[in-house]
Protein backbone atom coordinates (compact mmCIF):
# COMPACT_ATOMS: atom_id res chain seq x y z
CA UNK A 1 -2.62 -3.07 -26.82
CA UNK A 2 -4.95 0.20 -26.08
CA UNK A 3 -5.22 -0.41 -22.64
CA UNK A 4 -1.53 -0.87 -22.08
CA UNK A 5 -0.79 2.28 -23.89
CA UNK A 6 -2.55 4.81 -21.72
CA UNK A 7 -0.21 5.64 -19.65
CA UNK A 8 2.39 6.31 -22.05
CA UNK A 9 -0.43 8.40 -24.25
CA UNK A 10 -1.99 10.37 -21.58
CA UNK A 11 0.83 10.96 -18.53
CA UNK A 12 3.99 9.50 -19.05
CA UNK A 13 4.87 11.03 -22.36
CA UNK A 14 4.36 14.38 -21.61
CA UNK A 15 7.00 15.56 -20.00
CA UNK A 16 8.78 14.52 -22.33
CA UNK A 17 6.70 16.23 -25.07
CA UNK A 18 7.07 19.56 -22.93
CA UNK A 19 10.51 18.89 -22.79
CA UNK A 20 10.44 18.76 -27.02
CA UNK A 21 8.41 21.61 -27.37
CA UNK A 22 9.89 23.84 -24.87
CA UNK A 23 12.98 23.54 -27.85
CA UNK A 24 10.71 24.36 -30.33
CA UNK A 25 7.92 25.88 -29.93
CA UNK A 26 10.23 28.99 -28.63
CA UNK A 27 11.02 30.08 -32.22
CA UNK A 28 9.95 33.03 -34.83
CA UNK A 29 8.22 30.28 -37.06
CA UNK A 30 5.37 30.23 -34.64
CA UNK A 31 4.19 33.16 -34.56
CA UNK A 32 2.25 34.72 -37.36
CA UNK A 33 3.79 36.13 -39.83
CA UNK A 34 1.33 39.21 -40.52
CA UNK A 35 2.45 40.49 -37.15
CA UNK A 36 6.48 40.48 -37.80
CA UNK A 37 6.86 43.77 -39.49
CA UNK A 38 9.23 44.96 -36.79
CA UNK A 39 11.16 41.45 -36.81
CA UNK A 40 14.39 42.58 -38.85
CA UNK A 41 15.00 45.48 -36.95
CA UNK A 42 15.87 44.61 -33.35
CA UNK A 43 16.49 47.70 -32.23
CA UNK A 44 13.00 48.84 -32.77
CA UNK A 45 11.79 45.46 -31.54
CA UNK A 46 13.94 46.09 -28.47
CA UNK A 47 12.99 49.30 -27.98
CA UNK A 48 9.36 49.44 -28.47
CA UNK A 49 9.31 46.21 -26.07
CA UNK A 50 10.73 48.57 -23.46
CA UNK A 51 7.63 50.71 -24.13
CA UNK A 52 5.26 48.51 -23.11
CA UNK A 53 4.53 46.65 -26.58
CA UNK A 54 3.04 43.27 -25.67
CA UNK A 55 3.61 41.59 -29.16
CA UNK A 56 7.41 42.93 -29.29
CA UNK A 57 8.02 41.85 -25.63
CA UNK A 58 6.67 38.53 -26.40
CA UNK A 59 8.51 38.44 -29.78
CA UNK A 60 12.04 39.38 -28.24
CA UNK A 61 11.69 36.69 -25.63
CA UNK A 62 11.10 33.98 -28.77
CA UNK A 63 14.55 35.72 -30.11
CA UNK A 64 16.81 35.13 -26.09
CA UNK A 65 15.42 32.40 -26.30
CA UNK A 66 16.34 31.05 -29.67
CA UNK A 67 19.71 33.06 -29.82
CA UNK A 68 18.34 34.53 -33.13
CA UNK A 69 19.92 38.10 -33.71
CA UNK A 70 21.10 38.24 -30.08
CA UNK A 71 23.01 36.18 -27.34
CA UNK A 72 20.81 33.21 -26.40
CA UNK A 73 19.80 34.02 -22.72
CA UNK A 74 16.91 31.73 -21.37
CA UNK A 75 16.60 33.97 -18.61
CA UNK A 76 16.69 37.05 -21.09
CA UNK A 77 14.24 35.08 -22.89
CA UNK A 78 11.87 34.44 -19.69
CA UNK A 79 11.86 38.31 -18.68
CA UNK A 80 10.26 39.17 -21.71
CA UNK A 81 7.81 36.53 -21.68
CA UNK A 82 6.61 37.55 -18.39
CA UNK A 83 6.08 41.22 -19.26
CA UNK A 84 4.41 40.57 -22.64
CA UNK A 85 2.45 37.64 -20.43
CA UNK A 86 1.27 40.41 -17.83
CA UNK A 87 -0.57 42.14 -20.48
CA UNK A 88 -2.33 39.41 -21.26
CA UNK A 89 -0.57 37.91 -24.58
CA UNK A 90 -1.30 34.45 -24.99
CA UNK A 91 1.21 33.68 -26.51
CA UNK A 92 3.79 34.27 -23.92
CA UNK A 93 1.57 33.19 -21.56
CA UNK A 94 1.92 29.45 -23.29
CA UNK A 95 5.53 30.18 -23.37
CA UNK A 96 6.09 31.07 -20.11
CA UNK A 97 4.20 27.91 -19.04
CA UNK A 98 6.48 25.46 -20.81
CA UNK A 99 9.42 27.60 -19.23
CA UNK A 100 8.24 26.95 -15.59
CA UNK A 101 7.31 23.25 -16.72
CA UNK A 102 10.92 22.23 -18.15
CA UNK A 103 12.72 24.74 -15.62
CA UNK A 104 14.14 26.69 -18.78
CA UNK A 105 15.50 30.18 -17.20
CA UNK A 106 13.36 29.69 -14.13
CA UNK A 107 13.12 27.31 -11.81
CA UNK A 108 10.77 24.05 -12.31
CA UNK A 109 7.47 24.50 -11.27
CA UNK A 110 4.36 22.91 -12.59
CA UNK A 111 1.54 24.57 -10.29
CA UNK A 112 3.39 28.37 -12.29
CA UNK A 113 2.99 26.76 -15.58
CA UNK A 114 -0.44 25.86 -15.07
CA UNK A 115 -1.52 28.66 -14.31
CA UNK A 116 0.00 30.47 -16.60
CA UNK A 117 -1.22 27.97 -19.26
CA UNK A 118 -4.78 28.24 -18.05
CA UNK A 119 -4.63 32.12 -18.58
CA UNK A 120 -3.72 31.51 -21.99
CA UNK A 121 -5.99 28.38 -22.60
CA UNK A 122 -8.88 30.32 -21.51
CA UNK A 123 -8.35 33.07 -24.57
CA UNK A 124 -8.41 29.90 -26.87
CA UNK A 125 -4.67 29.87 -27.37
CA UNK A 126 -4.51 25.98 -28.55
CA UNK A 127 -0.88 24.75 -27.39
CA UNK A 128 -2.37 26.23 -24.55
CA UNK A 129 -5.40 24.09 -24.20
CA UNK A 130 -3.51 21.01 -24.49
CA UNK A 131 -0.55 21.05 -22.56
CA UNK A 132 -3.33 22.70 -19.51
CA UNK A 133 -5.27 18.73 -20.67
CA UNK A 134 -2.23 17.24 -20.37
CA UNK A 135 -0.84 18.40 -16.89
CA UNK A 136 -4.28 17.09 -15.83
CA UNK A 137 -3.44 13.64 -17.28
CA UNK A 138 -0.12 13.56 -15.18
CA UNK A 139 -1.19 15.15 -11.99
CA UNK A 140 1.71 17.57 -12.59
CA UNK A 141 0.93 21.15 -10.58
CA UNK A 142 -3.21 19.78 -10.33
CA UNK A 143 -4.44 16.37 -8.86
CA UNK A 144 -5.07 14.33 -11.60
CA UNK A 145 -8.33 14.56 -13.05
CA UNK A 146 -8.86 12.93 -16.22
CA UNK A 147 -12.42 14.25 -16.74
CA UNK A 148 -10.55 17.58 -16.93
CA UNK A 149 -8.15 16.31 -18.63
CA UNK A 150 -10.55 15.21 -21.77
CA UNK A 151 -12.13 18.73 -21.21
CA UNK A 152 -9.50 20.69 -22.57
CA UNK A 153 -8.18 18.30 -25.20
CA UNK A 154 -11.39 18.31 -26.71
CA UNK A 155 -11.01 22.41 -26.51
CA UNK A 156 -7.82 21.52 -28.65
CA UNK A 157 -8.94 18.57 -30.83
CA UNK A 158 -12.28 20.79 -32.13
CA UNK A 159 -9.26 23.54 -33.22
CA UNK A 160 -7.88 20.70 -35.07
CA UNK A 161 -4.71 20.05 -32.57
CA UNK A 162 -3.50 16.80 -34.34
CA UNK A 163 -2.23 15.81 -30.45
CA UNK A 164 -4.96 16.33 -28.58
CA UNK A 165 -7.46 14.51 -31.61
CA UNK A 166 -5.09 11.18 -30.55
CA UNK A 167 -5.59 11.98 -26.95
CA UNK A 168 -9.13 11.99 -27.44
CA UNK A 169 -9.22 8.48 -29.62
CA UNK A 170 -7.29 7.36 -26.55
CA UNK A 171 -9.90 8.19 -24.02
CA UNK A 172 -12.61 7.29 -25.65
CA UNK A 173 -10.64 3.98 -26.57
CA UNK A 174 -10.24 2.60 -23.04
CA UNK A 175 -13.18 4.75 -21.28
CA UNK A 176 -10.62 7.51 -19.93
CA UNK A 177 -12.13 10.46 -18.45
CA UNK A 178 -15.00 9.91 -20.54
CA UNK A 179 -17.80 6.37 -21.56
CA UNK A 180 -15.72 3.73 -23.58
CA UNK A 181 -16.99 4.82 -27.37
CA UNK A 182 -15.63 2.62 -29.74
CA UNK A 183 -17.43 4.97 -32.91
CA UNK A 184 -15.59 8.16 -30.73
CA UNK A 185 -12.59 6.64 -30.64
CA UNK A 186 -12.07 6.45 -34.55
CA UNK A 187 -13.51 9.45 -35.24
CA UNK A 188 -10.84 11.30 -33.69
CA UNK A 189 -7.81 8.69 -34.31
CA UNK A 190 -9.04 9.08 -37.49
CA UNK A 191 -8.92 13.10 -37.29
CA UNK A 192 -5.39 13.01 -36.33
CA UNK A 193 -4.62 10.58 -38.85
CA UNK A 194 -4.95 12.36 -41.40
CA UNK A 195 -3.07 14.86 -39.76
CA UNK A 196 0.23 12.37 -40.53
CA UNK A 197 0.00 11.83 -36.42
CA UNK A 198 2.21 8.27 -36.12
CA UNK A 199 0.15 7.54 -32.86
CA UNK A 200 -3.21 7.46 -34.51
CA UNK A 201 -2.55 6.01 -37.97
CA UNK A 202 -1.17 3.23 -35.90
CA UNK A 203 -4.45 2.89 -33.38
CA UNK A 204 -6.42 3.61 -36.67
CA UNK A 205 -5.18 0.61 -38.16
CA UNK A 206 -5.47 -1.30 -34.86
CA UNK A 207 -9.57 -0.70 -35.26
CA UNK A 208 -9.97 -2.01 -38.53
CA UNK A 209 -7.78 -4.82 -37.85
CA UNK A 210 -9.83 -5.65 -35.22
CA UNK A 211 -13.17 -4.14 -36.56
CA UNK A 212 -13.63 -1.71 -33.17
CA UNK A 213 -15.84 1.12 -34.29
CA UNK A 214 -15.26 -0.33 -37.60
CA UNK A 215 -16.31 -2.75 -40.35
CA UNK A 216 -12.57 -5.06 -39.74
CA UNK A 217 -10.85 -4.55 -42.87
CA UNK A 218 -7.43 -5.51 -43.16
CA UNK A 219 -6.72 -3.95 -45.94
CA UNK A 220 -7.47 -0.63 -44.25
CA UNK A 221 -5.48 -1.78 -41.33
CA UNK A 222 -2.55 -2.35 -43.31
CA UNK A 223 -2.82 1.07 -45.20
CA UNK A 224 -2.76 3.14 -41.81
CA UNK A 225 -0.07 1.12 -40.66
CA UNK A 226 1.89 1.66 -43.56
CA UNK A 227 1.76 5.11 -42.95
CA UNK A 228 2.85 5.10 -39.07
CA UNK A 229 5.51 2.66 -39.95
CA UNK A 230 7.12 4.86 -43.00
CA UNK A 231 7.12 7.87 -40.17
CA UNK A 232 10.02 5.45 -37.36
CA UNK A 233 6.41 4.32 -35.33
CA UNK A 234 7.82 1.02 -34.16
CA UNK A 235 4.07 -0.94 -33.18
CA UNK A 236 3.01 0.14 -36.65
CA UNK A 237 6.11 -1.70 -38.34
CA UNK A 238 5.90 -4.48 -36.12
CA UNK A 239 2.52 -5.32 -36.89
CA UNK A 240 2.73 -4.49 -40.68
CA UNK A 241 5.27 -8.15 -40.12
CA UNK A 242 2.84 -9.60 -39.07
CA UNK A 243 0.38 -8.82 -42.05
CA UNK A 244 3.18 -9.81 -44.55
CA UNK A 245 4.19 -12.90 -42.68
CA UNK A 246 0.09 -13.90 -42.59
CA UNK A 247 -1.07 -12.86 -46.12
CA UNK A 248 -3.32 -10.30 -44.49
CA UNK A 249 -4.76 -7.14 -46.46
CA UNK A 250 -1.09 -7.66 -48.24
CA UNK A 251 0.60 -10.56 -50.32
CA UNK A 252 2.29 -12.73 -47.71
CA UNK A 253 6.00 -11.77 -48.50
CA UNK A 254 8.50 -12.83 -46.12
CA UNK A 255 11.26 -10.37 -47.47
CA UNK A 256 8.84 -7.76 -46.98
CA UNK A 257 8.26 -8.57 -43.32
CA UNK A 258 12.16 -9.12 -42.72
CA UNK A 259 12.25 -5.63 -43.75
CA UNK A 260 10.11 -3.87 -41.16
CA UNK A 261 10.61 -6.19 -38.21
CA UNK A 262 14.43 -5.62 -38.48
CA UNK A 263 13.06 -1.60 -38.56
CA UNK A 264 11.58 -2.55 -34.79
CA UNK A 265 14.66 -4.61 -33.92
CA UNK A 266 16.75 -1.82 -34.96
CA UNK A 267 14.65 0.29 -32.61
CA UNK A 268 14.39 -1.91 -29.45
CA UNK A 269 11.46 -3.33 -29.66
CA UNK A 270 11.49 -6.77 -27.74
CA UNK A 271 8.95 -8.57 -29.59
CA UNK A 272 10.61 -7.85 -33.51
CA UNK A 273 13.70 -9.10 -32.66
CA UNK A 274 12.69 -12.26 -31.48
CA UNK A 275 10.53 -12.31 -34.67
CA UNK A 276 13.31 -11.55 -36.42
CA UNK A 277 15.71 -14.49 -35.08
CA UNK A 278 12.97 -16.65 -35.66
CA UNK A 279 13.43 -15.48 -39.37
CA UNK A 280 17.38 -16.09 -39.70
CA UNK A 281 16.57 -19.53 -37.61
CA UNK A 282 14.45 -20.44 -40.34
CA UNK A 283 15.78 -18.80 -43.20
CA UNK A 284 12.11 -16.86 -44.19
CA UNK A 285 12.87 -14.14 -46.36
CA UNK A 286 16.73 -13.88 -45.03
CA UNK A 287 19.77 -16.86 -45.83
CA UNK A 288 19.60 -19.34 -42.83
CA UNK A 289 22.09 -17.68 -40.37
CA UNK A 290 22.09 -19.64 -36.76
CA UNK A 291 24.96 -16.69 -35.13
CA UNK A 292 22.50 -14.17 -36.46
CA UNK A 293 19.46 -15.73 -35.53
CA UNK A 294 21.08 -16.67 -31.48
CA UNK A 295 21.89 -12.89 -31.36
CA UNK A 296 18.21 -11.17 -31.84
CA UNK A 297 16.53 -14.20 -29.74
CA UNK A 298 19.51 -13.57 -27.14
CA UNK A 299 18.70 -9.91 -27.07
CA UNK A 300 14.75 -10.70 -26.99
CA UNK A 301 15.40 -12.86 -23.68
CA UNK A 302 17.21 -10.84 -22.04
CA UNK A 303 14.02 -8.07 -22.77
CA UNK A 304 11.88 -10.31 -21.12
CA UNK A 305 10.17 -12.09 -24.59
CA UNK A 306 10.44 -15.81 -22.36
CA UNK A 307 9.02 -17.49 -25.77
CA UNK A 308 12.49 -16.89 -27.23
CA UNK A 309 13.86 -19.01 -24.35
CA UNK A 310 13.32 -22.16 -26.41
CA UNK A 311 14.95 -21.40 -29.86
CA UNK A 312 17.98 -19.81 -28.30
CA UNK A 313 18.52 -22.26 -26.73
CA UNK A 314 18.08 -24.71 -29.55
CA UNK A 315 20.01 -23.28 -31.22
CA UNK A 316 23.01 -23.12 -28.87
CA UNK A 317 22.94 -26.75 -28.98
CA UNK A 318 23.66 -26.98 -32.52
CA UNK A 319 26.31 -24.20 -32.52
CA UNK A 320 30.24 -24.75 -32.40
CA UNK A 321 32.10 -23.68 -29.30
CA UNK A 322 33.61 -21.20 -31.77
CA UNK A 323 30.25 -20.05 -33.05
CA UNK A 324 28.22 -19.66 -29.61
CA UNK A 325 31.02 -17.68 -28.83
CA UNK A 326 30.65 -15.34 -31.88
CA UNK A 327 26.65 -15.85 -31.26
CA UNK A 328 27.23 -14.39 -27.82
CA UNK A 329 29.65 -11.23 -29.01
CA UNK A 330 27.15 -10.41 -31.54
CA UNK A 331 24.03 -10.55 -28.84
CA UNK A 332 26.31 -8.42 -26.79
CA UNK A 333 27.02 -5.12 -29.89
CA UNK A 334 23.57 -5.52 -30.57
CA UNK A 335 22.16 -4.87 -27.12
CA UNK A 336 24.31 -1.74 -27.07
CA UNK A 337 23.47 -0.54 -30.20
CA UNK A 338 19.65 -1.21 -30.22
CA UNK A 339 18.71 -0.33 -26.41
CA UNK A 340 15.42 -0.79 -25.08
CA UNK A 341 12.42 1.00 -25.52
CA UNK A 342 11.63 2.91 -22.54
CA UNK A 343 7.69 1.62 -22.91
CA UNK A 344 8.91 -2.49 -23.19
């Protein structure tokens, strides 16, 4: 599981995270409130920015980025970020890096993004350190180098940045860019998990379930999987369902298992769709319903769960022609309603 997730955790999700943060980090809330003496007077902000005040230039860039108090304009945001960045304002350097990484207001240019992130990272800017490291993991703007990725993630992790702590946990768990070390993996997962990183909570739960880097403890595994599951993390929802069926770390409860498998299944998690189909087939935790069972099993088969073929075909023989037609129609409906996850 952990090895399978390396590309997801360290590389494939990087571009998605960049896009999200480009939307969410361009906001005045990310700036130290003690520096916002000019916040409510945009005329004063503009005057100070035009006079060369780097903080005002950065803050004006934020305003244009978000459209708060001014017309939203990515080009203007970039212009003011650049002015502040060229004066050494680390926040502006980071935002400018995000803009180049996502191509908002400028042509996408990863090398240019790396240039500005490096400048901000060298000053200790934690977000920039994380993204600079992630660029090395992805190989965007620089040759791929997990050793460099780990170096920069560590700098951010030691400042308490949860995403970097999680990334370090994965690196130590898989031996990516560092010597494999279960105890170190657990240490960093735990730090990130305490900050509500759902991915870290899931992997920490996995560690307790397997007894890797910590004493084996099903109840502790359930605790961390539940935290991740309640945040919508599909893998955790699936494994929590398994624990309820097996009665490991919790009282056996098929109704609870069905609840969590349904949540994962509705996120497109194919293994959960298969398990949910079996529950309807057997009437475990839910009323027996062959049409519903067929629908979920058929989706699981379509998404590569080969073990679902036999129960699905068995059901097809039991259903009348009319019921089979209804089951196939429902499967088609669910297939569109619950699209597959990108990492399945």
